[in-house]
Amino acid sequence: MGAGELTHGGASAAVDERDLPTGTVVLPTGRVTAAKMYEPAAPKGPFSAVQLARLDEALTLASRETGLDFSVYLGELGEDSRAAAERLHASIGEAASRSVLVAVSPGERVVEVVTGELSFQRLPDRGAKLAVMSMVASFKEGDLVGGLVSGLRMMTDQAGPEPKH
């Protein structure tokens, strides 16, 4: 009799406890029960829960401190990576002018930073390039999340706090 199997006919099936695998026991009612080790499901993405929390915190702080909308895209960009990143940035909609997109394609070894009209005034190309260089250095060491977080922090520092009018 296996776990969860029922016997019918009024007679109980005799089970020799010596034949049962480790972690299995026969209860006084005759039911056989087995203990199994709980194995949590592995994350279904490139990041663990802790890494996702770090990245989320960096994105939230960057947006809160600068007033700009920061976002990260991780995936394939294709042959014309710049055009693909610009399309992704444009898909943000009306908020694209005050948005910064960091698009990373690890398989293609490409990093693109796309800024909108307003965000470009606060985050010039030079600042974005410095952040990309920092990210690439971390990526080469195998630290994808660390590179993204440090790049976001650098861009936050470059953009500065939201101007008060």
N, C-alpha and C. Protein backbone atom coordinates (compact mmCIF):
# COMPACT_ATOMS: atom_id res chain seq x y z
N MET A 1 0.86 -1.16 0.00
CA MET A 1 0.00 0.00 0.00
C MET A 1 0.90 1.23 0.00
N GLY A 2 0.68 2.15 -0.91
CA GLY A 2 1.46 3.38 -0.97
C GLY A 2 0.73 4.51 -0.28
N ALA A 3 1.42 5.60 -0.18
CA ALA A 3 0.83 6.77 0.46
C ALA A 3 -0.39 7.23 -0.31
N GLY A 4 -1.49 7.39 0.40
CA GLY A 4 -2.70 7.89 -0.23
C GLY A 4 -3.57 6.81 -0.85
N GLU A 5 -3.12 5.55 -0.86
CA GLU A 5 -3.92 4.49 -1.45
C GLU A 5 -4.97 4.01 -0.46
N LEU A 6 -6.10 3.64 -0.98
CA LEU A 6 -7.19 3.15 -0.14
C LEU A 6 -7.38 1.67 -0.38
N THR A 7 -7.76 0.95 0.67
CA THR A 7 -8.11 -0.45 0.50
C THR A 7 -9.61 -0.57 0.68
N HIS A 8 -10.19 -1.49 0.00
CA HIS A 8 -11.63 -1.67 0.08
C HIS A 8 -11.93 -3.11 0.48
N GLY A 9 -13.09 -3.35 0.96
CA GLY A 9 -13.54 -4.69 1.25
C GLY A 9 -13.61 -5.00 2.73
N GLY A 10 -13.42 -4.01 3.57
CA GLY A 10 -13.57 -4.23 5.00
C GLY A 10 -12.34 -4.79 5.67
N ALA A 11 -11.48 -5.48 4.98
CA ALA A 11 -10.28 -6.03 5.60
C ALA A 11 -9.12 -5.08 5.36
N SER A 12 -8.32 -4.93 6.38
CA SER A 12 -7.16 -4.05 6.20
C SER A 12 -5.98 -4.87 5.71
N ALA A 13 -5.19 -4.25 4.86
CA ALA A 13 -4.02 -4.93 4.31
C ALA A 13 -2.91 -4.88 5.35
N ALA A 14 -2.24 -5.97 5.52
CA ALA A 14 -1.13 -6.02 6.48
C ALA A 14 0.10 -5.42 5.82
N VAL A 15 0.72 -4.50 6.53
CA VAL A 15 1.91 -3.84 6.01
C VAL A 15 3.05 -4.10 6.99
N ASP A 16 4.13 -4.62 6.48
CA ASP A 16 5.31 -4.85 7.32
C ASP A 16 6.13 -3.57 7.33
N GLU A 17 6.29 -2.98 8.52
CA GLU A 17 6.99 -1.69 8.62
C GLU A 17 8.44 -1.79 8.17
N ARG A 18 9.02 -2.98 8.20
CA ARG A 18 10.41 -3.14 7.77
C ARG A 18 10.55 -2.95 6.26
N ASP A 19 9.46 -3.13 5.52
CA ASP A 19 9.50 -2.98 4.06
C ASP A 19 9.31 -1.53 3.62
N LEU A 20 8.95 -0.68 4.55
CA LEU A 20 8.68 0.71 4.20
C LEU A 20 9.98 1.51 4.11
N PRO A 21 10.03 2.50 3.21
CA PRO A 21 11.24 3.33 3.11
C PRO A 21 11.39 4.24 4.33
N THR A 22 12.58 4.79 4.50
CA THR A 22 12.86 5.70 5.61
C THR A 22 11.91 6.88 5.56
N GLY A 23 11.39 7.27 6.73
CA GLY A 23 10.48 8.41 6.80
C GLY A 23 9.03 8.01 6.63
N THR A 24 8.76 6.71 6.53
CA THR A 24 7.40 6.22 6.34
C THR A 24 6.99 5.44 7.59
N VAL A 25 5.74 5.57 7.99
CA VAL A 25 5.26 4.90 9.19
C VAL A 25 3.80 4.48 8.99
N VAL A 26 3.41 3.43 9.71
CA VAL A 26 2.02 2.98 9.70
C VAL A 26 1.36 3.55 10.95
N LEU A 27 0.30 4.31 10.77
CA LEU A 27 -0.43 4.92 11.88
C LEU A 27 -1.31 3.87 12.54
N PRO A 28 -1.77 4.12 13.78
CA PRO A 28 -2.64 3.15 14.47
C PRO A 28 -3.90 2.83 13.67
N THR A 29 -4.34 3.73 12.81
CA THR A 29 -5.53 3.48 12.00
C THR A 29 -5.23 2.57 10.82
N GLY A 30 -3.94 2.29 10.59
CA GLY A 30 -3.56 1.46 9.46
C GLY A 30 -3.12 2.26 8.25
N ARG A 31 -3.29 3.53 8.33
CA ARG A 31 -2.89 4.39 7.22
C ARG A 31 -1.37 4.53 7.18
N VAL A 32 -0.81 4.48 5.98
CA VAL A 32 0.63 4.65 5.80
C VAL A 32 0.89 6.11 5.44
N THR A 33 1.80 6.74 6.15
CA THR A 33 2.13 8.14 5.88
C THR A 33 3.65 8.26 5.71
N ALA A 34 4.04 9.20 4.84
CA ALA A 34 5.47 9.38 4.55
C ALA A 34 5.85 10.84 4.70
N ALA A 35 7.00 11.08 5.30
CA ALA A 35 7.55 12.44 5.42
C ALA A 35 8.49 12.68 4.26
N LYS A 36 8.37 13.83 3.66
CA LYS A 36 9.25 14.18 2.55
C LYS A 36 9.87 15.54 2.82
N MET A 37 11.10 15.70 2.39
CA MET A 37 11.82 16.96 2.57
C MET A 37 11.19 18.02 1.68
N TYR A 38 10.91 19.18 2.28
CA TYR A 38 10.37 20.31 1.52
C TYR A 38 11.50 20.94 0.72
N GLU A 39 11.30 21.07 -0.57
CA GLU A 39 12.28 21.71 -1.44
C GLU A 39 11.61 22.89 -2.12
N PRO A 40 11.98 24.12 -1.71
CA PRO A 40 11.35 25.29 -2.32
C PRO A 40 11.66 25.36 -3.81
N ALA A 41 10.72 25.90 -4.54
CA ALA A 41 10.91 26.03 -5.99
C ALA A 41 12.03 27.02 -6.26
N ALA A 42 12.87 26.66 -7.21
CA ALA A 42 13.97 27.55 -7.59
C ALA A 42 13.41 28.76 -8.33
N PRO A 43 14.08 29.92 -8.24
CA PRO A 43 13.58 31.09 -8.96
C PRO A 43 13.54 30.82 -10.46
N LYS A 44 12.55 31.40 -11.12
CA LYS A 44 12.37 31.15 -12.54
C LYS A 44 13.01 32.22 -13.40
N GLY A 45 13.90 32.99 -12.84
CA GLY A 45 14.57 34.04 -13.60
C GLY A 45 16.04 34.04 -13.28
N PRO A 46 16.73 35.01 -13.80
CA PRO A 46 18.18 35.05 -13.57
C PRO A 46 18.56 35.51 -12.17
N PHE A 47 17.60 35.99 -11.38
CA PHE A 47 17.92 36.56 -10.08
C PHE A 47 17.22 35.81 -8.95
N SER A 48 17.88 35.77 -7.80
CA SER A 48 17.25 35.22 -6.60
C SER A 48 16.33 36.30 -6.01
N ALA A 49 15.58 35.91 -5.00
CA ALA A 49 14.68 36.88 -4.36
C ALA A 49 15.46 38.02 -3.73
N VAL A 50 16.60 37.71 -3.14
CA VAL A 50 17.43 38.75 -2.51
C VAL A 50 17.98 39.70 -3.57
N GLN A 51 18.43 39.15 -4.69
CA GLN A 51 18.95 40.00 -5.77
C GLN A 51 17.86 40.89 -6.34
N LEU A 52 16.66 40.33 -6.51
CA LEU A 52 15.54 41.14 -7.00
C LEU A 52 15.22 42.27 -6.03
N ALA A 53 15.30 41.98 -4.74
CA ALA A 53 15.03 43.02 -3.74
C ALA A 53 16.07 44.13 -3.83
N ARG A 54 17.34 43.77 -4.02
CA ARG A 54 18.40 44.78 -4.16
C ARG A 54 18.16 45.65 -5.38
N LEU A 55 17.81 45.01 -6.49
CA LEU A 55 17.58 45.75 -7.73
C LEU A 55 16.35 46.64 -7.60
N ASP A 56 15.29 46.12 -7.00
CA ASP A 56 14.08 46.91 -6.81
C ASP A 56 14.35 48.12 -5.92
N GLU A 57 15.13 47.92 -4.86
CA GLU A 57 15.46 49.03 -3.98
C GLU A 57 16.27 50.10 -4.71
N ALA A 58 17.24 49.66 -5.53
CA ALA A 58 18.06 50.62 -6.28
C ALA A 58 17.21 51.41 -7.26
N LEU A 59 16.29 50.74 -7.95
CA LEU A 59 15.40 51.43 -8.90
C LEU A 59 14.49 52.42 -8.17
N THR A 60 13.93 52.00 -7.05
CA THR A 60 13.04 52.86 -6.28
C THR A 60 13.77 54.10 -5.77
N LEU A 61 14.94 53.89 -5.19
CA LEU A 61 15.71 55.03 -4.67
C LEU A 61 16.15 55.97 -5.77
N ALA A 62 16.57 55.41 -6.92
CA ALA A 62 16.99 56.26 -8.04
C ALA A 62 15.84 57.14 -8.51
N SER A 63 14.67 56.54 -8.65
CA SER A 63 13.51 57.32 -9.10
C SER A 63 13.07 58.33 -8.05
N ARG A 64 13.09 57.93 -6.79
CA ARG A 64 12.66 58.82 -5.71
C ARG A 64 13.60 60.01 -5.56
N GLU A 65 14.90 59.76 -5.62
CA GLU A 65 15.88 60.83 -5.40
C GLU A 65 15.97 61.81 -6.57
N THR A 66 15.77 61.32 -7.79
CA THR A 66 15.96 62.18 -8.96
C THR A 66 14.67 62.71 -9.55
N GLY A 67 13.56 62.04 -9.30
CA GLY A 67 12.31 62.42 -9.96
C GLY A 67 12.22 61.87 -11.37
N LEU A 68 13.24 61.11 -11.80
CA LEU A 68 13.23 60.48 -13.11
C LEU A 68 12.76 59.04 -12.95
N ASP A 69 12.19 58.49 -14.01
CA ASP A 69 11.73 57.10 -13.96
C ASP A 69 12.82 56.20 -14.53
N PHE A 70 13.43 55.39 -13.67
CA PHE A 70 14.46 54.45 -14.10
C PHE A 70 13.85 53.08 -14.31
N SER A 71 14.30 52.39 -15.35
CA SER A 71 13.85 51.02 -15.57
C SER A 71 15.01 50.22 -16.16
N VAL A 72 14.95 48.90 -15.94
CA VAL A 72 15.99 48.00 -16.43
C VAL A 72 15.33 46.95 -17.30
N TYR A 73 15.93 46.71 -18.46
CA TYR A 73 15.50 45.63 -19.35
C TYR A 73 16.66 44.65 -19.43
N LEU A 74 16.39 43.38 -19.19
CA LEU A 74 17.40 42.34 -19.29
C LEU A 74 16.91 41.31 -20.29
N GLY A 75 17.59 41.21 -21.41
CA GLY A 75 17.18 40.26 -22.44
C GLY A 75 17.85 40.56 -23.76
N GLU A 76 17.46 39.81 -24.74
CA GLU A 76 18.04 39.94 -26.07
C GLU A 76 17.60 41.24 -26.72
N LEU A 77 18.55 41.92 -27.35
CA LEU A 77 18.24 43.18 -28.04
C LEU A 77 18.30 43.03 -29.55
N GLY A 78 18.97 42.02 -30.04
CA GLY A 78 19.05 41.81 -31.48
C GLY A 78 20.24 42.49 -32.11
N GLU A 79 20.26 42.43 -33.44
CA GLU A 79 21.41 42.94 -34.20
C GLU A 79 21.62 44.44 -34.01
N ASP A 80 20.55 45.21 -34.10
CA ASP A 80 20.65 46.66 -33.91
C ASP A 80 20.20 46.97 -32.48
N SER A 81 21.11 46.81 -31.54
CA SER A 81 20.76 46.93 -30.12
C SER A 81 20.28 48.33 -29.75
N ARG A 82 20.88 49.34 -30.36
CA ARG A 82 20.47 50.72 -30.02
C ARG A 82 19.02 50.97 -30.43
N ALA A 83 18.67 50.56 -31.65
CA ALA A 83 17.30 50.76 -32.13
C ALA A 83 16.31 49.98 -31.27
N ALA A 84 16.68 48.76 -30.87
CA ALA A 84 15.79 47.96 -30.02
C ALA A 84 15.60 48.64 -28.67
N ALA A 85 16.68 49.16 -28.09
CA ALA A 85 16.58 49.85 -26.80
C ALA A 85 15.74 51.11 -26.92
N GLU A 86 15.89 51.83 -28.02
CA GLU A 86 15.08 53.04 -28.22
C GLU A 86 13.61 52.71 -28.38
N ARG A 87 13.30 51.58 -29.04
CA ARG A 87 11.90 51.14 -29.16
C ARG A 87 11.33 50.79 -27.78
N LEU A 88 12.13 50.10 -26.98
CA LEU A 88 11.68 49.77 -25.62
C LEU A 88 11.41 51.04 -24.82
N HIS A 89 12.31 52.00 -24.94
CA HIS A 89 12.15 53.28 -24.22
C HIS A 89 10.90 54.00 -24.70
N ALA A 90 10.67 54.02 -26.00
CA ALA A 90 9.49 54.69 -26.55
C ALA A 90 8.19 54.01 -26.09
N SER A 91 8.26 52.69 -25.83
CA SER A 91 7.06 51.97 -25.41
C SER A 91 6.61 52.36 -24.01
N ILE A 92 7.42 53.12 -23.29
CA ILE A 92 7.04 53.61 -21.96
C ILE A 92 5.86 54.56 -22.07
N GLY A 93 5.77 55.26 -23.20
CA GLY A 93 4.64 56.17 -23.43
C GLY A 93 4.98 57.60 -23.08
N GLU A 94 3.99 58.30 -22.52
CA GLU A 94 4.16 59.73 -22.21
C GLU A 94 5.29 60.00 -21.23
N ALA A 95 5.56 59.06 -20.35
CA ALA A 95 6.60 59.25 -19.34
C ALA A 95 8.01 59.07 -19.90
N ALA A 96 8.12 58.71 -21.18
CA ALA A 96 9.44 58.44 -21.77
C ALA A 96 10.37 59.65 -21.71
N SER A 97 9.82 60.86 -21.76
CA SER A 97 10.69 62.04 -21.77
C SER A 97 11.44 62.20 -20.45
N ARG A 98 10.88 61.71 -19.34
CA ARG A 98 11.57 61.82 -18.06
C ARG A 98 12.07 60.46 -17.57
N SER A 99 12.27 59.53 -18.51
CA SER A 99 12.68 58.17 -18.17
C SER A 99 14.10 57.86 -18.61
N VAL A 100 14.69 56.92 -17.90
CA VAL A 100 16.01 56.39 -18.22
C VAL A 100 15.87 54.87 -18.29
N LEU A 101 16.24 54.30 -19.42
CA LEU A 101 16.19 52.85 -19.59
C LEU A 101 17.61 52.30 -19.67
N VAL A 102 17.89 51.31 -18.85
CA VAL A 102 19.16 50.58 -18.92
C VAL A 102 18.82 49.22 -19.52
N ALA A 103 19.25 48.99 -20.75
CA ALA A 103 18.98 47.74 -21.45
C ALA A 103 20.26 46.92 -21.50
N VAL A 104 20.20 45.70 -20.97
CA VAL A 104 21.37 44.84 -20.90
C VAL A 104 21.06 43.51 -21.58
N SER A 105 21.94 43.12 -22.49
CA SER A 105 21.83 41.82 -23.14
C SER A 105 23.11 41.05 -22.85
N PRO A 106 23.11 40.25 -21.76
CA PRO A 106 24.33 39.54 -21.37
C PRO A 106 24.85 38.60 -22.46
N GLY A 107 23.94 37.93 -23.15
CA GLY A 107 24.35 37.00 -24.20
C GLY A 107 25.03 37.69 -25.36
N GLU A 108 24.61 38.90 -25.63
CA GLU A 108 25.20 39.66 -26.74
C GLU A 108 26.30 40.60 -26.26
N ARG A 109 26.50 40.66 -24.94
CA ARG A 109 27.50 41.54 -24.32
C ARG A 109 27.28 42.99 -24.72
N VAL A 110 26.03 43.45 -24.53
CA VAL A 110 25.65 44.80 -24.91
C VAL A 110 24.96 45.49 -23.74
N VAL A 111 25.30 46.75 -23.53
CA VAL A 111 24.61 47.60 -22.56
C VAL A 111 24.24 48.89 -23.27
N GLU A 112 22.98 49.27 -23.22
CA GLU A 112 22.50 50.52 -23.82
C GLU A 112 21.77 51.32 -22.74
N VAL A 113 22.05 52.61 -22.69
CA VAL A 113 21.31 53.52 -21.80
C VAL A 113 20.59 54.51 -22.70
N VAL A 114 19.27 54.56 -22.56
CA VAL A 114 18.45 55.48 -23.37
C VAL A 114 17.78 56.46 -22.41
N THR A 115 17.93 57.74 -22.73
CA THR A 115 17.31 58.79 -21.91
C THR A 115 16.29 59.55 -22.75
N GLY A 116 15.28 60.07 -22.08
CA GLY A 116 14.30 60.92 -22.75
C GLY A 116 14.79 62.35 -22.80
N GLU A 117 13.97 63.23 -23.37
CA GLU A 117 14.37 64.63 -23.53
C GLU A 117 14.69 65.30 -22.20
N LEU A 118 13.81 65.16 -21.22
CA LEU A 118 14.03 65.80 -19.92
C LEU A 118 15.14 65.11 -19.13
N SER A 119 15.18 63.79 -19.18
CA SER A 119 16.20 63.08 -18.41
C SER A 119 17.59 63.29 -18.99
N PHE A 120 17.69 63.55 -20.30
CA PHE A 120 19.00 63.81 -20.92
C PHE A 120 19.61 65.11 -20.38
N GLN A 121 18.76 66.08 -20.08
CA GLN A 121 19.26 67.35 -19.54
C GLN A 121 19.90 67.15 -18.17
N ARG A 122 19.46 66.15 -17.44
CA ARG A 122 19.99 65.89 -16.10
C ARG A 122 21.03 64.79 -16.08
N LEU A 123 20.99 63.92 -17.09
CA LEU A 123 21.94 62.81 -17.16
C LEU A 123 22.58 62.82 -18.55
N PRO A 124 23.64 63.59 -18.74
CA PRO A 124 24.27 63.67 -20.05
C PRO A 124 24.99 62.36 -20.42
N ASP A 125 25.38 62.27 -21.68
CA ASP A 125 26.04 61.06 -22.19
C ASP A 125 27.27 60.68 -21.36
N ARG A 126 28.03 61.67 -20.96
CA ARG A 126 29.26 61.40 -20.21
C ARG A 126 28.95 60.65 -18.91
N GLY A 127 27.93 61.09 -18.20
CA GLY A 127 27.54 60.42 -16.96
C GLY A 127 27.03 59.02 -17.21
N ALA A 128 26.26 58.85 -18.28
CA ALA A 128 25.75 57.51 -18.62
C ALA A 128 26.90 56.59 -19.01
N LYS A 129 27.88 57.10 -19.75
CA LYS A 129 29.02 56.27 -20.18
C LYS A 129 29.84 55.82 -18.98
N LEU A 130 30.04 56.69 -18.01
CA LEU A 130 30.77 56.30 -16.81
C LEU A 130 30.04 55.18 -16.07
N ALA A 131 28.73 55.30 -15.99
CA ALA A 131 27.93 54.26 -15.33
C ALA A 131 28.02 52.94 -16.09
N VAL A 132 27.99 53.01 -17.42
CA VAL A 132 28.09 51.80 -18.24
C VAL A 132 29.45 51.13 -18.02
N MET A 133 30.51 51.93 -17.97
CA MET A 133 31.84 51.36 -17.74
C MET A 133 31.90 50.64 -16.39
N SER A 134 31.29 51.20 -15.38
CA SER A 134 31.24 50.57 -14.07
C SER A 134 30.44 49.27 -14.12
N MET A 135 29.30 49.30 -14.82
CA MET A 135 28.47 48.10 -14.93
C MET A 135 29.23 46.99 -15.64
N VAL A 136 29.88 47.33 -16.75
CA VAL A 136 30.61 46.33 -17.54
C VAL A 136 31.71 45.68 -16.70
N ALA A 137 32.40 46.47 -15.89
CA ALA A 137 33.45 45.91 -15.02
C ALA A 137 32.87 44.86 -14.07
N SER A 138 31.70 45.14 -13.51
CA SER A 138 31.05 44.16 -12.62
C SER A 138 30.54 42.96 -13.40
N PHE A 139 30.00 43.20 -14.58
CA PHE A 139 29.49 42.10 -15.41
C PHE A 139 30.62 41.12 -15.74
N LYS A 140 31.80 41.65 -16.02
CA LYS A 140 32.94 40.78 -16.35
C LYS A 140 33.32 39.89 -15.18
N GLU A 141 33.05 40.35 -13.97
CA GLU A 141 33.32 39.56 -12.77
C GLU A 141 32.18 38.61 -12.45
N GLY A 142 31.12 38.63 -13.27
CA GLY A 142 29.98 37.75 -13.06
C GLY A 142 28.94 38.29 -12.09
N ASP A 143 29.02 39.57 -11.77
CA ASP A 143 28.09 40.18 -10.82
C ASP A 143 27.09 41.07 -11.56
N LEU A 144 26.06 40.45 -12.11
CA LEU A 144 25.07 41.17 -12.91
C LEU A 144 24.28 42.15 -12.05
N VAL A 145 23.78 41.70 -10.92
CA VAL A 145 22.99 42.58 -10.05
C VAL A 145 23.85 43.69 -9.47
N GLY A 146 25.04 43.36 -9.02
CA GLY A 146 25.93 44.37 -8.47
C GLY A 146 26.26 45.44 -9.49
N GLY A 147 26.47 45.04 -10.74
CA GLY A 147 26.74 46.01 -11.80
C GLY A 147 25.56 46.92 -12.05
N LEU A 148 24.36 46.34 -12.10
CA LEU A 148 23.16 47.16 -12.32
C LEU A 148 22.94 48.13 -11.17
N VAL A 149 23.10 47.65 -9.94
CA VAL A 149 22.89 48.50 -8.77
C VAL A 149 23.91 49.64 -8.74
N SER A 150 25.18 49.33 -8.98
CA SER A 150 26.19 50.40 -8.95
C SER A 150 25.99 51.38 -10.10
N GLY A 151 25.59 50.88 -11.26
CA GLY A 151 25.30 51.78 -12.39
C GLY A 151 24.13 52.70 -12.10
N LEU A 152 23.09 52.16 -11.49
CA LEU A 152 21.94 52.99 -11.12
C LEU A 152 22.33 54.05 -10.10
N ARG A 153 23.16 53.67 -9.15
CA ARG A 153 23.61 54.65 -8.14
C ARG A 153 24.43 55.76 -8.78
N MET A 154 25.31 55.39 -9.71
CA MET A 154 26.13 56.40 -10.39
C MET A 154 25.26 57.36 -11.19
N MET A 155 24.26 56.82 -11.90
CA MET A 155 23.38 57.68 -12.69
C MET A 155 22.53 58.57 -11.78
N THR A 156 22.15 58.04 -10.62
CA THR A 156 21.41 58.83 -9.64
C THR A 156 22.25 60.01 -9.18
N ASP A 157 23.51 59.74 -8.87
CA ASP A 157 24.41 60.81 -8.44
C ASP A 157 24.62 61.84 -9.55
N GLN A 158 24.75 61.37 -10.79
CA GLN A 158 24.96 62.28 -11.92
C GLN A 158 23.74 63.17 -12.14
N ALA A 159 22.55 62.57 -12.05
CA ALA A 159 21.32 63.33 -12.31
C ALA A 159 21.02 64.31 -11.18
N GLY A 160 21.39 63.94 -9.97
CA GLY A 160 21.15 64.82 -8.83
C GLY A 160 19.69 64.83 -8.42
N PRO A 161 19.40 65.56 -7.35
CA PRO A 161 18.01 65.61 -6.87
C PRO A 161 17.11 66.37 -7.83
N GLU A 162 15.83 66.05 -7.73
CA GLU A 162 14.83 66.72 -8.59
C GLU A 162 14.83 68.21 -8.29
N PRO A 163 14.92 69.05 -9.34
CA PRO A 163 14.92 70.50 -9.12
C PRO A 163 13.58 70.96 -8.55
N LYS A 164 13.63 71.86 -7.61
CA LYS A 164 12.42 72.44 -7.01
C LYS A 164 12.11 73.74 -7.75
N HIS A 165 10.89 73.87 -8.22
CA HIS A 165 10.51 75.08 -8.97
C HIS A 165 9.78 76.05 -8.10
